[in-house]
C-alpha atoms as a PDB file:
ATOM      1  CA  MET A   1     -11.632  63.771   9.641  1.00  0.00           C
ATOM      2  CA  THR A   2     -11.949  65.930   6.448  1.00  0.00           C
ATOM      3  CA  THR A   3     -13.879  64.836   3.508  1.00  0.00           C
ATOM      4  CA  THR A   4     -10.730  64.106   1.493  1.00  0.00           C
ATOM      5  CA  SER A   5      -8.897  61.904   4.279  1.00  0.00           C
ATOM      6  CA  LYS A   6     -12.313  60.130   4.556  1.00  0.00           C
ATOM      7  CA  SER A   7     -12.145  59.292   0.765  1.00  0.00           C
ATOM      8  CA  ASN A   8      -8.698  58.101   1.038  1.00  0.00           C
ATOM      9  CA  PHE A   9      -9.502  56.008   3.761  1.00  0.00           C
ATOM     10  CA  ALA A  10     -12.364  54.389   1.723  1.00  0.00           C
ATOM     11  CA  ALA A  11     -10.617  53.821  -0.865  1.00  0.00           C
ATOM     12  CA  GLY A  12      -7.888  52.165   0.595  1.00  0.00           C
ATOM     13  CA  LEU A  13      -9.964  49.737   2.825  1.00  0.00           C
ATOM     14  CA  ARG A  14     -11.537  48.984  -0.590  1.00  0.00           C
ATOM     15  CA  THR A  15      -8.383  48.203  -2.228  1.00  0.00           C
ATOM     16  CA  THR A  16      -7.002  46.137   0.967  1.00  0.00           C
ATOM     17  CA  ILE A  17      -9.984  44.172   0.817  1.00  0.00           C
ATOM     18  CA  LEU A  18     -10.041  43.502  -2.669  1.00  0.00           C
ATOM     19  CA  MET A  19      -6.237  42.376  -2.175  1.00  0.00           C
ATOM     20  CA  ALA A  20      -7.010  40.073   0.640  1.00  0.00           C
ATOM     21  CA  THR A  21      -9.961  38.520  -1.134  1.00  0.00           C
ATOM     22  CA  LEU A  22      -7.156  37.642  -3.935  1.00  0.00           C
ATOM     23  CA  GLY A  23      -4.811  36.324  -1.682  1.00  0.00           C
ATOM     24  CA  GLY A  24      -7.402  34.109   0.142  1.00  0.00           C
ATOM     25  CA  LEU A  25      -8.479  32.916  -3.009  1.00  0.00           C
ATOM     26  CA  LEU A  26      -5.330  31.678  -4.472  1.00  0.00           C
ATOM     27  CA  VAL A  27      -4.071  30.319  -1.067  1.00  0.00           C
ATOM     28  CA  ALA A  28      -7.165  28.328  -0.990  1.00  0.00           C
ATOM     29  CA  ILE A  29      -7.024  27.096  -4.693  1.00  0.00           C
ATOM     30  CA  GLY A  30      -3.195  25.909  -4.168  1.00  0.00           C
ATOM     31  CA  TYR A  31      -4.251  23.751  -1.118  1.00  0.00           C
ATOM     32  CA  ALA A  32      -6.968  22.098  -3.101  1.00  0.00           C
ATOM     33  CA  ILE A  33      -4.497  21.516  -5.755  1.00  0.00           C
ATOM     34  CA  GLY A  34      -1.271  19.991  -4.034  1.00  0.00           C
ATOM     35  CA  GLY A  35      -1.588  21.029  -0.182  1.00  0.00           C
ATOM     36  CA  ILE A  36       0.454  23.089   2.287  1.00  0.00           C
ATOM     37  CA  GLN A  37       3.420  23.403  -0.154  1.00  0.00           C
ATOM     38  CA  ILE A  38       1.310  24.460  -3.168  1.00  0.00           C
ATOM     39  CA  ALA A  39      -0.604  26.765  -1.202  1.00  0.00           C
ATOM     40  CA  GLY A  40       2.537  28.561   0.231  1.00  0.00           C
ATOM     41  CA  VAL A  41       3.782  28.968  -3.693  1.00  0.00           C
ATOM     42  CA  PHE A  42       0.095  30.489  -4.282  1.00  0.00           C
ATOM     43  CA  LEU A  43       0.588  32.748  -1.191  1.00  0.00           C
ATOM     44  CA  VAL A  44       3.627  33.952  -2.699  1.00  0.00           C
ATOM     45  CA  MET A  45       2.311  34.695  -5.959  1.00  0.00           C
ATOM     46  CA  ALA A  46      -0.401  36.521  -4.580  1.00  0.00           C
ATOM     47  CA  LEU A  47       1.954  38.660  -2.527  1.00  0.00           C
ATOM     48  CA  VAL A  48       3.648  39.617  -5.876  1.00  0.00           C
ATOM     49  CA  MET A  49       0.708  39.868  -7.698  1.00  0.00           C
ATOM     50  CA  ASN A  50      -0.665  42.464  -5.128  1.00  0.00           C
ATOM     51  CA  GLY A  51       2.630  44.689  -5.395  1.00  0.00           C
ATOM     52  CA  ILE A  52       2.415  44.785  -8.639  1.00  0.00           C
ATOM     53  CA  ALA A  53      -1.503  45.509  -9.098  1.00  0.00           C
ATOM     54  CA  TYR A  54      -0.922  48.540  -6.673  1.00  0.00           C
ATOM     55  CA  PHE A  55       2.207  50.235  -8.101  1.00  0.00           C
ATOM     56  CA  PHE A  56       1.718  49.534 -11.564  1.00  0.00           C
ATOM     57  CA  SER A  57      -1.885  49.053 -11.981  1.00  0.00           C
ATOM     58  CA  ASP A  58      -2.010  52.307 -14.452  1.00  0.00           C
ATOM     59  CA  LYS A  59       0.936  51.014 -16.518  1.00  0.00           C
ATOM     60  CA  ILE A  60      -1.083  47.537 -16.984  1.00  0.00           C
ATOM     61  CA  ALA A  61      -4.390  49.390 -17.808  1.00  0.00           C
ATOM     62  CA  ILE A  62      -2.663  51.362 -20.500  1.00  0.00           C
ATOM     63  CA  LYS A  63      -0.654  48.700 -21.962  1.00  0.00           C
ATOM     64  CA  SER A  64      -3.681  46.235 -22.067  1.00  0.00           C
ATOM     65  CA  SER A  65      -5.548  49.332 -23.927  1.00  0.00           C
ATOM     66  CA  GLY A  66      -3.096  49.918 -26.541  1.00  0.00           C
ATOM     67  CA  ALA A  67      -3.118  53.705 -25.278  1.00  0.00           C
ATOM     68  CA  LYS A  68      -0.045  55.889 -26.747  1.00  0.00           C
ATOM     69  CA  PRO A  69       1.105  59.113 -24.866  1.00  0.00           C
ATOM     70  CA  ILE A  70      -0.231  62.309 -26.825  1.00  0.00           C
ATOM     71  CA  SER A  71       1.656  65.484 -26.473  1.00  0.00           C
ATOM     72  CA  GLU A  72       0.152  69.026 -26.032  1.00  0.00           C
ATOM     73  CA  GLN A  73       1.689  69.451 -29.467  1.00  0.00           C
ATOM     74  CA  GLU A  74      -0.468  66.679 -31.031  1.00  0.00           C
ATOM     75  CA  ALA A  75      -3.646  67.644 -29.055  1.00  0.00           C
ATOM     76  CA  PRO A  76      -3.538  71.249 -27.859  1.00  0.00           C
ATOM     77  CA  GLY A  77      -7.305  71.406 -27.436  1.00  0.00           C
ATOM     78  CA  LEU A  78      -7.363  68.687 -25.619  1.00  0.00           C
ATOM     79  CA  TYR A  79      -5.045  69.700 -23.176  1.00  0.00           C
ATOM     80  CA  GLN A  80      -6.423  73.046 -22.595  1.00  0.00           C
ATOM     81  CA  MET A  81      -9.742  71.508 -21.805  1.00  0.00           C
ATOM     82  CA  VAL A  82      -8.147  69.245 -19.349  1.00  0.00           C
ATOM     83  CA  ARG A  83      -5.874  71.963 -17.639  1.00  0.00           C
ATOM     84  CA  GLU A  84      -9.082  73.883 -17.014  1.00  0.00           C
ATOM     85  CA  LEU A  85     -11.424  71.192 -15.599  1.00  0.00           C
ATOM     86  CA  THR A  86      -8.451  69.775 -13.668  1.00  0.00           C
ATOM     87  CA  THR A  87      -8.224  73.433 -12.166  1.00  0.00           C
ATOM     88  CA  ARG A  88     -11.992  73.749 -11.527  1.00  0.00           C
ATOM     89  CA  ALA A  89     -11.728  70.073  -9.851  1.00  0.00           C
ATOM     90  CA  GLU A  90      -8.373  71.454  -7.853  1.00  0.00           C
ATOM     91  CA  LEU A  91      -6.452  68.526  -9.414  1.00  0.00           C
ATOM     92  CA  PRO A  92      -3.082  67.932 -10.508  1.00  0.00           C
ATOM     93  CA  MET A  93      -2.663  67.311 -14.539  1.00  0.00           C
ATOM     94  CA  PRO A  94      -2.949  63.954 -15.340  1.00  0.00           C
ATOM     95  CA  ARG A  95      -1.053  62.270 -18.114  1.00  0.00           C
ATOM     96  CA  LEU A  96      -2.818  62.134 -21.284  1.00  0.00           C
ATOM     97  CA  TYR A  97      -3.223  59.329 -23.743  1.00  0.00           C
ATOM     98  CA  MET A  98      -4.879  58.346 -27.001  1.00  0.00           C
ATOM     99  CA  ILE A  99      -6.417  54.707 -27.603  1.00  0.00           C
ATOM    100  CA  PRO A 100      -6.121  53.691 -31.302  1.00  0.00           C
ATOM    101  CA  SER A 101      -9.578  52.622 -31.851  1.00  0.00           C
ATOM    102  CA  GLU A 102     -12.682  54.190 -33.345  1.00  0.00           C
ATOM    103  CA  GLN A 103     -15.033  53.341 -30.813  1.00  0.00           C
ATOM    104  CA  PRO A 104     -15.925  56.296 -28.759  1.00  0.00           C
ATOM    105  CA  ASN A 105     -14.903  55.653 -25.023  1.00  0.00           C
ATOM    106  CA  ALA A 106     -12.112  56.842 -22.446  1.00  0.00           C
ATOM    107  CA  PHE A 107     -11.130  56.142 -19.072  1.00  0.00           C
ATOM    108  CA  ALA A 108      -8.991  56.875 -16.107  1.00  0.00           C
ATOM    109  CA  THR A 109      -6.389  55.224 -14.089  1.00  0.00           C
ATOM    110  CA  GLY A 110      -3.829  55.570 -11.525  1.00  0.00           C
ATOM    111  CA  ARG A 111      -3.290  54.722  -7.594  1.00  0.00           C
ATOM    112  CA  ASN A 112      -3.693  58.468  -6.735  1.00  0.00           C
ATOM    113  CA  PRO A 113      -4.351  62.159  -8.197  1.00  0.00           C
ATOM    114  CA  LYS A 114      -0.388  62.461  -8.478  1.00  0.00           C
ATOM    115  CA  HIS A 115       0.045  59.339 -10.570  1.00  0.00           C
ATOM    116  CA  SER A 116      -3.075  59.192 -12.705  1.00  0.00           C
ATOM    117  CA  ALA A 117      -3.839  58.995 -16.358  1.00  0.00           C
ATOM    118  CA  VAL A 118      -7.075  59.848 -18.555  1.00  0.00           C
ATOM    119  CA  ALA A 119      -7.224  58.112 -21.857  1.00  0.00           C
ATOM    120  CA  VAL A 120      -9.439  58.639 -24.847  1.00  0.00           C
ATOM    121  CA  THR A 121      -9.909  56.985 -27.807  1.00  0.00           C
ATOM    122  CA  HIS A 122      -9.471  58.533 -31.054  1.00  0.00           C
ATOM    123  CA  GLY A 123     -13.089  57.665 -32.180  1.00  0.00           C
ATOM    124  CA  ILE A 124     -14.423  59.893 -29.078  1.00  0.00           C
ATOM    125  CA  THR A 125     -12.569  62.818 -30.307  1.00  0.00           C
ATOM    126  CA  LYS A 126     -14.378  62.683 -33.702  1.00  0.00           C
ATOM    127  CA  LEU A 127     -17.980  61.849 -32.473  1.00  0.00           C
ATOM    128  CA  LEU A 128     -18.546  64.151 -29.572  1.00  0.00           C
ATOM    129  CA  SER A 129     -18.552  68.277 -29.538  1.00  0.00           C
ATOM    130  CA  GLU A 130     -16.597  69.858 -27.177  1.00  0.00           C
ATOM    131  CA  ASP A 131     -19.070  70.353 -24.736  1.00  0.00           C
ATOM    132  CA  GLU A 132     -19.745  66.347 -24.958  1.00  0.00           C
ATOM    133  CA  LEU A 133     -16.245  65.804 -24.389  1.00  0.00           C
ATOM    134  CA  ARG A 134     -15.725  67.914 -21.648  1.00  0.00           C
ATOM    135  CA  GLY A 135     -18.365  66.119 -19.667  1.00  0.00           C
ATOM    136  CA  VAL A 136     -16.433  62.945 -20.479  1.00  0.00           C
ATOM    137  CA  VAL A 137     -13.276  64.261 -19.118  1.00  0.00           C
ATOM    138  CA  ALA A 138     -15.174  65.684 -15.913  1.00  0.00           C
ATOM    139  CA  HIS A 139     -16.696  62.090 -15.313  1.00  0.00           C
ATOM    140  CA  GLU A 140     -12.953  60.753 -15.189  1.00  0.00           C
ATOM    141  CA  LEU A 141     -11.514  63.315 -13.174  1.00  0.00           C
ATOM    142  CA  ALA A 142     -14.725  63.119 -10.860  1.00  0.00           C
ATOM    143  CA  HIS A 143     -13.328  59.471 -10.525  1.00  0.00           C
ATOM    144  CA  ILE A 144      -9.614  60.545  -9.939  1.00  0.00           C
ATOM    145  CA  ARG A 145     -10.601  63.104  -7.292  1.00  0.00           C
ATOM    146  CA  SER A 146     -12.616  60.297  -5.338  1.00  0.00           C
ATOM    147  CA  ARG A 147     -10.085  57.781  -5.732  1.00  0.00           C
ATOM    148  CA  ASP A 148     -12.275  55.413  -7.358  1.00  0.00           C
ATOM    149  CA  ILE A 149      -9.534  54.645  -9.899  1.00  0.00           C
ATOM    150  CA  LEU A 150      -7.135  53.083  -7.015  1.00  0.00           C
ATOM    151  CA  THR A 151      -9.890  50.348  -6.624  1.00  0.00           C
ATOM    152  CA  GLN A 152     -10.787  49.899 -10.439  1.00  0.00           C
ATOM    153  CA  SER A 153      -7.020  49.912 -11.419  1.00  0.00           C
ATOM    154  CA  VAL A 154      -6.021  47.549  -9.154  1.00  0.00           C
ATOM    155  CA  ALA A 155      -9.148  45.131  -9.738  1.00  0.00           C
ATOM    156  CA  ALA A 156      -8.425  45.460 -13.610  1.00  0.00           C
ATOM    157  CA  ALA A 157      -4.811  44.378 -13.150  1.00  0.00           C
ATOM    158  CA  ILE A 158      -5.614  41.611 -10.896  1.00  0.00           C
ATOM    159  CA  GLY A 159      -8.131  40.137 -13.123  1.00  0.00           C
ATOM    160  CA  SER A 160      -6.000  40.467 -16.193  1.00  0.00           C
ATOM    161  CA  MET A 161      -3.228  38.538 -14.187  1.00  0.00           C
ATOM    162  CA  ILE A 162      -5.564  35.905 -12.679  1.00  0.00           C
ATOM    163  CA  THR A 163      -6.829  35.326 -16.360  1.00  0.00           C
ATOM    164  CA  TRP A 164      -3.117  35.315 -17.461  1.00  0.00           C
ATOM    165  CA  LEU A 165      -2.280  32.961 -14.842  1.00  0.00           C
ATOM    166  CA  ALA A 166      -4.826  30.694 -15.484  1.00  0.00           C
ATOM    167  CA  TYR A 167      -3.997  30.375 -19.213  1.00  0.00           C
ATOM    168  CA  MET A 168      -0.224  29.865 -17.976  1.00  0.00           C
ATOM    169  CA  PHE A 169      -1.629  26.280 -16.349  1.00  0.00           C
ATOM    170  CA  MET A 170      -2.768  25.538 -19.594  1.00  0.00           C
ATOM    171  CA  TRP A 171       0.270  26.326 -21.550  1.00  0.00           C
ATOM    172  CA  VAL A 172       2.613  24.581 -18.977  1.00  0.00           C
ATOM    173  CA  GLY A 173       0.322  21.457 -19.127  1.00  0.00           C
ATOM    174  CA  GLY A 174       0.520  21.299 -22.939  1.00  0.00           C
ATOM    175  CA  ASP A 175      -1.424  17.789 -23.048  1.00  0.00           C
ATOM    176  CA  ASN A 176      -4.816  18.359 -21.644  1.00  0.00           C
ATOM    177  CA  ASP A 177      -4.602  14.593 -20.474  1.00  0.00           C
ATOM    178  CA  SER A 178      -1.875  15.383 -18.467  1.00  0.00           C
ATOM    179  CA  PRO A 179      -2.365  16.371 -14.688  1.00  0.00           C
ATOM    180  CA  VAL A 180      -1.130  19.582 -15.166  1.00  0.00           C
ATOM    181  CA  GLY A 181      -3.103  20.470 -18.249  1.00  0.00           C
ATOM    182  CA  LEU A 182      -6.483  19.303 -16.309  1.00  0.00           C
ATOM    183  CA  ILE A 183      -5.401  21.741 -13.484  1.00  0.00           C
ATOM    184  CA  GLY A 184      -4.921  24.438 -15.964  1.00  0.00           C
ATOM    185  CA  SER A 185      -8.064  23.747 -17.435  1.00  0.00           C
ATOM    186  CA  LEU A 186     -10.049  23.921 -14.103  1.00  0.00           C
ATOM    187  CA  ALA A 187      -7.852  26.857 -13.187  1.00  0.00           C
ATOM    188  CA  LEU A 188      -9.011  28.960 -16.367  1.00  0.00           C
ATOM    189  CA  ILE A 189     -12.692  27.654 -15.770  1.00  0.00           C
ATOM    190  CA  ILE A 190     -12.667  28.641 -11.793  1.00  0.00           C
ATOM    191  CA  LEU A 191     -10.680  31.585 -11.984  1.00  0.00           C
ATOM    192  CA  ALA A 192     -11.395  33.349 -14.738  1.00  0.00           C
ATOM    193  CA  PRO A 193     -15.173  33.757 -13.685  1.00  0.00           C
ATOM    194  CA  LEU A 194     -13.887  34.545 -10.471  1.00  0.00           C
ATOM    195  CA  SER A 195     -11.855  37.403 -11.197  1.00  0.00           C
ATOM    196  CA  ALA A 196     -14.459  38.891 -13.283  1.00  0.00           C
ATOM    197  CA  THR A 197     -16.533  38.522 -10.062  1.00  0.00           C
ATOM    198  CA  LEU A 198     -14.352  40.155  -7.875  1.00  0.00           C
ATOM    199  CA  ILE A 199     -14.139  43.233 -10.475  1.00  0.00           C
ATOM    200  CA  GLN A 200     -18.047  43.236 -10.388  1.00  0.00           C
ATOM    201  CA  LEU A 201     -18.020  43.379  -6.769  1.00  0.00           C
ATOM    202  CA  ALA A 202     -15.173  45.937  -6.047  1.00  0.00           C
ATOM    203  CA  VAL A 203     -16.278  48.498  -8.610  1.00  0.00           C
ATOM    204  CA  SER A 204     -19.874  49.656  -7.487  1.00  0.00           C
ATOM    205  CA  ARG A 205     -22.458  51.081  -9.730  1.00  0.00           C
ATOM    206  CA  GLN A 206     -23.121  53.855  -7.122  1.00  0.00           C
ATOM    207  CA  ARG A 207     -19.599  55.270  -7.823  1.00  0.00           C
ATOM    208  CA  GLU A 208     -20.653  55.623 -11.499  1.00  0.00           C
ATOM    209  CA  TYR A 209     -23.440  57.251 -10.744  1.00  0.00           C
ATOM    210  CA  ALA A 210     -21.439  59.407  -8.295  1.00  0.00           C
ATOM    211  CA  ALA A 211     -18.724  60.230 -10.614  1.00  0.00           C
ATOM    212  CA  ASP A 212     -21.481  61.376 -13.294  1.00  0.00           C
ATOM    213  CA  ALA A 213     -22.893  63.814 -10.502  1.00  0.00           C
ATOM    214  CA  THR A 214     -19.662  65.045  -9.896  1.00  0.00           C
ATOM    215  CA  GLY A 215     -18.620  65.484 -13.130  1.00  0.00           C
ATOM    216  CA  ALA A 216     -21.590  67.291 -14.017  1.00  0.00           C
ATOM    217  CA  GLN A 217     -20.794  70.157 -11.388  1.00  0.00           C
ATOM    218  CA  VAL A 218     -17.248  70.237 -12.282  1.00  0.00           C
ATOM    219  CA  CYS A 219     -17.728  70.612 -16.128  1.00  0.00           C
ATOM    220  CA  GLY A 220     -20.877  72.982 -15.269  1.00  0.00           C
ATOM    221  CA  ASN A 221     -23.174  71.331 -17.743  1.00  0.00           C
ATOM    222  CA  PRO A 222     -24.965  68.013 -16.727  1.00  0.00           C
ATOM    223  CA  GLU A 223     -26.667  67.841 -19.996  1.00  0.00           C
ATOM    224  CA  SER A 224     -23.115  67.694 -21.743  1.00  0.00           C
ATOM    225  CA  LEU A 225     -22.386  64.443 -20.262  1.00  0.00           C
ATOM    226  CA  ALA A 226     -26.184  63.631 -20.559  1.00  0.00           C
ATOM    227  CA  SER A 227     -25.827  63.537 -24.252  1.00  0.00           C
ATOM    228  CA  ALA A 228     -22.453  62.540 -24.482  1.00  0.00           C
ATOM    229  CA  LEU A 229     -23.514  59.327 -22.566  1.00  0.00           C
ATOM    230  CA  LEU A 230     -26.298  58.603 -24.847  1.00  0.00           C
ATOM    231  CA  ARG A 231     -23.598  58.839 -28.103  1.00  0.00           C
ATOM    232  CA  LEU A 232     -21.455  56.729 -26.729  1.00  0.00           C
ATOM    233  CA  GLU A 233     -23.609  53.852 -25.787  1.00  0.00           C
ATOM    234  CA  ALA A 234     -24.851  54.251 -29.424  1.00  0.00           C
ATOM    235  CA  GLY A 235     -21.222  54.383 -30.631  1.00  0.00           C
ATOM    236  CA  ALA A 236     -20.052  51.329 -28.553  1.00  0.00           C
ATOM    237  CA  LYS A 237     -22.868  49.065 -30.124  1.00  0.00           C
ATOM    238  CA  ALA A 238     -21.799  50.052 -33.313  1.00  0.00           C
ATOM    239  CA  ILE A 239     -18.550  49.812 -33.446  1.00  0.00           C
ATOM    240  CA  PRO A 240     -16.703  46.633 -31.690  1.00  0.00           C
ATOM    241  CA  MET A 241     -13.763  47.657 -29.663  1.00  0.00           C
ATOM    242  CA  ARG A 242     -11.247  44.435 -28.375  1.00  0.00           C
ATOM    243  CA  VAL A 243     -10.639  45.061 -24.819  1.00  0.00           C
ATOM    244  CA  ASN A 244      -9.830  42.655 -21.617  1.00  0.00           C
ATOM    245  CA  GLN A 245     -12.863  41.658 -20.265  1.00  0.00           C
ATOM    246  CA  ALA A 246     -11.138  42.692 -16.757  1.00  0.00           C
ATOM    247  CA  THR A 247     -10.600  45.999 -17.756  1.00  0.00           C
ATOM    248  CA  GLU A 248     -14.324  46.555 -18.638  1.00  0.00           C
ATOM    249  CA  SER A 249     -15.235  48.356 -15.515  1.00  0.00           C
ATOM    250  CA  MET A 250     -12.938  51.242 -16.142  1.00  0.00           C
ATOM    251  CA  TYR A 251     -14.307  52.853 -19.291  1.00  0.00           C
ATOM    252  CA  ILE A 252     -17.073  55.342 -19.140  1.00  0.00           C
ATOM    253  CA  VAL A 253     -19.818  52.895 -21.099  1.00  0.00           C
ATOM    254  CA  LYS A 254     -19.469  49.464 -21.552  1.00  0.00           C
ATOM    255  CA  PRO A 255     -16.831  48.801 -24.368  1.00  0.00           C
ATOM    256  CA  PHE A 256     -18.795  45.641 -25.373  1.00  0.00           C
ATOM    257  CA  SER A 257     -21.740  43.481 -24.269  1.00  0.00           C
ATOM    258  CA  GLY A 258     -21.179  41.150 -21.584  1.00  0.00           C
ATOM    259  CA  GLY A 259     -21.735  37.532 -21.904  1.00  0.00           C
ATOM    260  CA  GLY A 260     -21.616  34.286 -20.284  1.00  0.00           C
ATOM    261  CA  ILE A 261     -21.401  34.471 -16.452  1.00  0.00           C
ATOM    262  CA  ALA A 262     -19.880  37.821 -16.589  1.00  0.00           C
ATOM    263  CA  GLY A 263     -22.683  39.079 -18.176  1.00  0.00           C
ATOM    264  CA  LEU A 264     -25.094  38.473 -15.327  1.00  0.00           C
ATOM    265  CA  PHE A 265     -23.234  40.932 -13.272  1.00  0.00           C
ATOM    266  CA  SER A 266     -22.675  44.489 -14.912  1.00  0.00           C
ATOM    267  CA  THR A 267     -20.164  46.997 -14.105  1.00  0.00           C
ATOM    268  CA  HIS A 268     -22.469  50.045 -15.356  1.00  0.00           C
ATOM    269  CA  PRO A 269     -25.667  51.256 -14.332  1.00  0.00           C
ATOM    270  CA  PRO A 270     -27.939  51.768 -17.329  1.00  0.00           C
ATOM    271  CA  ILE A 271     -27.392  54.608 -19.682  1.00  0.00           C
ATOM    272  CA  GLU A 272     -31.012  55.659 -19.516  1.00  0.00           C
ATOM    273  CA  GLU A 273     -30.888  55.959 -15.405  1.00  0.00           C
ATOM    274  CA  ARG A 274     -27.704  57.808 -15.748  1.00  0.00           C
ATOM    275  CA  VAL A 275     -28.933  60.088 -18.095  1.00  0.00           C
ATOM    276  CA  LYS A 276     -32.206  60.829 -15.833  1.00  0.00           C
ATOM    277  CA  ARG A 277     -30.341  61.431 -12.821  1.00  0.00           C
ATOM    278  CA  LEU A 278     -28.059  64.002 -14.912  1.00  0.00           C
ATOM    279  CA  ARG A 279     -31.329  65.707 -16.514  1.00  0.00           C
ATOM    280  CA  GLN A 280     -32.854  66.174 -12.935  1.00  0.00           C
ATOM    281  CA  MET A 281     -29.521  68.028 -11.775  1.00  0.00           C
ATOM    282  CA  ARG A 282     -30.075  70.766 -14.402  1.00  0.00           C
ATOM    283  CA  PRO A 283     -32.618  72.751 -12.079  1.00  0.00           C
ATOM    284  CA  SER A 284     -30.065  73.045  -9.314  1.00  0.00           C
ATOM    285  CA  LEU A 285     -26.929  73.862 -11.459  1.00  0.00           C
ATOM    286  CA  GLY A 286     -28.914  75.917 -13.782  1.00  0.00           C
END
């Protein structure tokens, strides 16, 4: 089995486990709420949600971020940069999007390299130097090449839909004193943290380290990404960004400081450790 085949198999296995876990979770909750009949309804809902997450996860991520397509006429330098890096990484050209936010950040999404997209914020194009931005783009392309984005995108889409489902229960219930309203409140309390936890389990910190290392090799300069990460972390702390917590794991740095139960689990490794590992690569690449 080739390296690419192994990577594809691993990504598919992770996604299948994630979807199966979602289905089992929803069916169990349905059974607890209303027995076998409601469990059957929740099973159908799980199957529909899984299908939507797999085929439309990139569109869900793009829409939830507020990103808009950006043409080559609008950003010729960015297109040239991405085209050069995709050639080095032996990848097809992804679709490019701009997020109308001043916080410097970026993410990649899509179910495979042929259906991939890279989104950058307006803020990142103003804050980073060209070399630093190359490091960031190379990191996102590394996620695409290793097919991490399949699991990340599906996890983010599933988390968003589970949270939406919980809020729907509350809305349908209307009166919090009604049985349906109480069920909705219970669903929100249980499902939202569980969805966040599923995302944390689906997206390993080790894949961020791996994307940093591969991205450094693709752009040819680990210091470009190391410097970018330090500036992005400072920018994310200084400039708030409204992001669905379910999609937090997709960004190159945490868009906000986690709180509550989800704050106990971090999707991203410490920036200091990421920078340290990148700078240890300099002799080997130099």
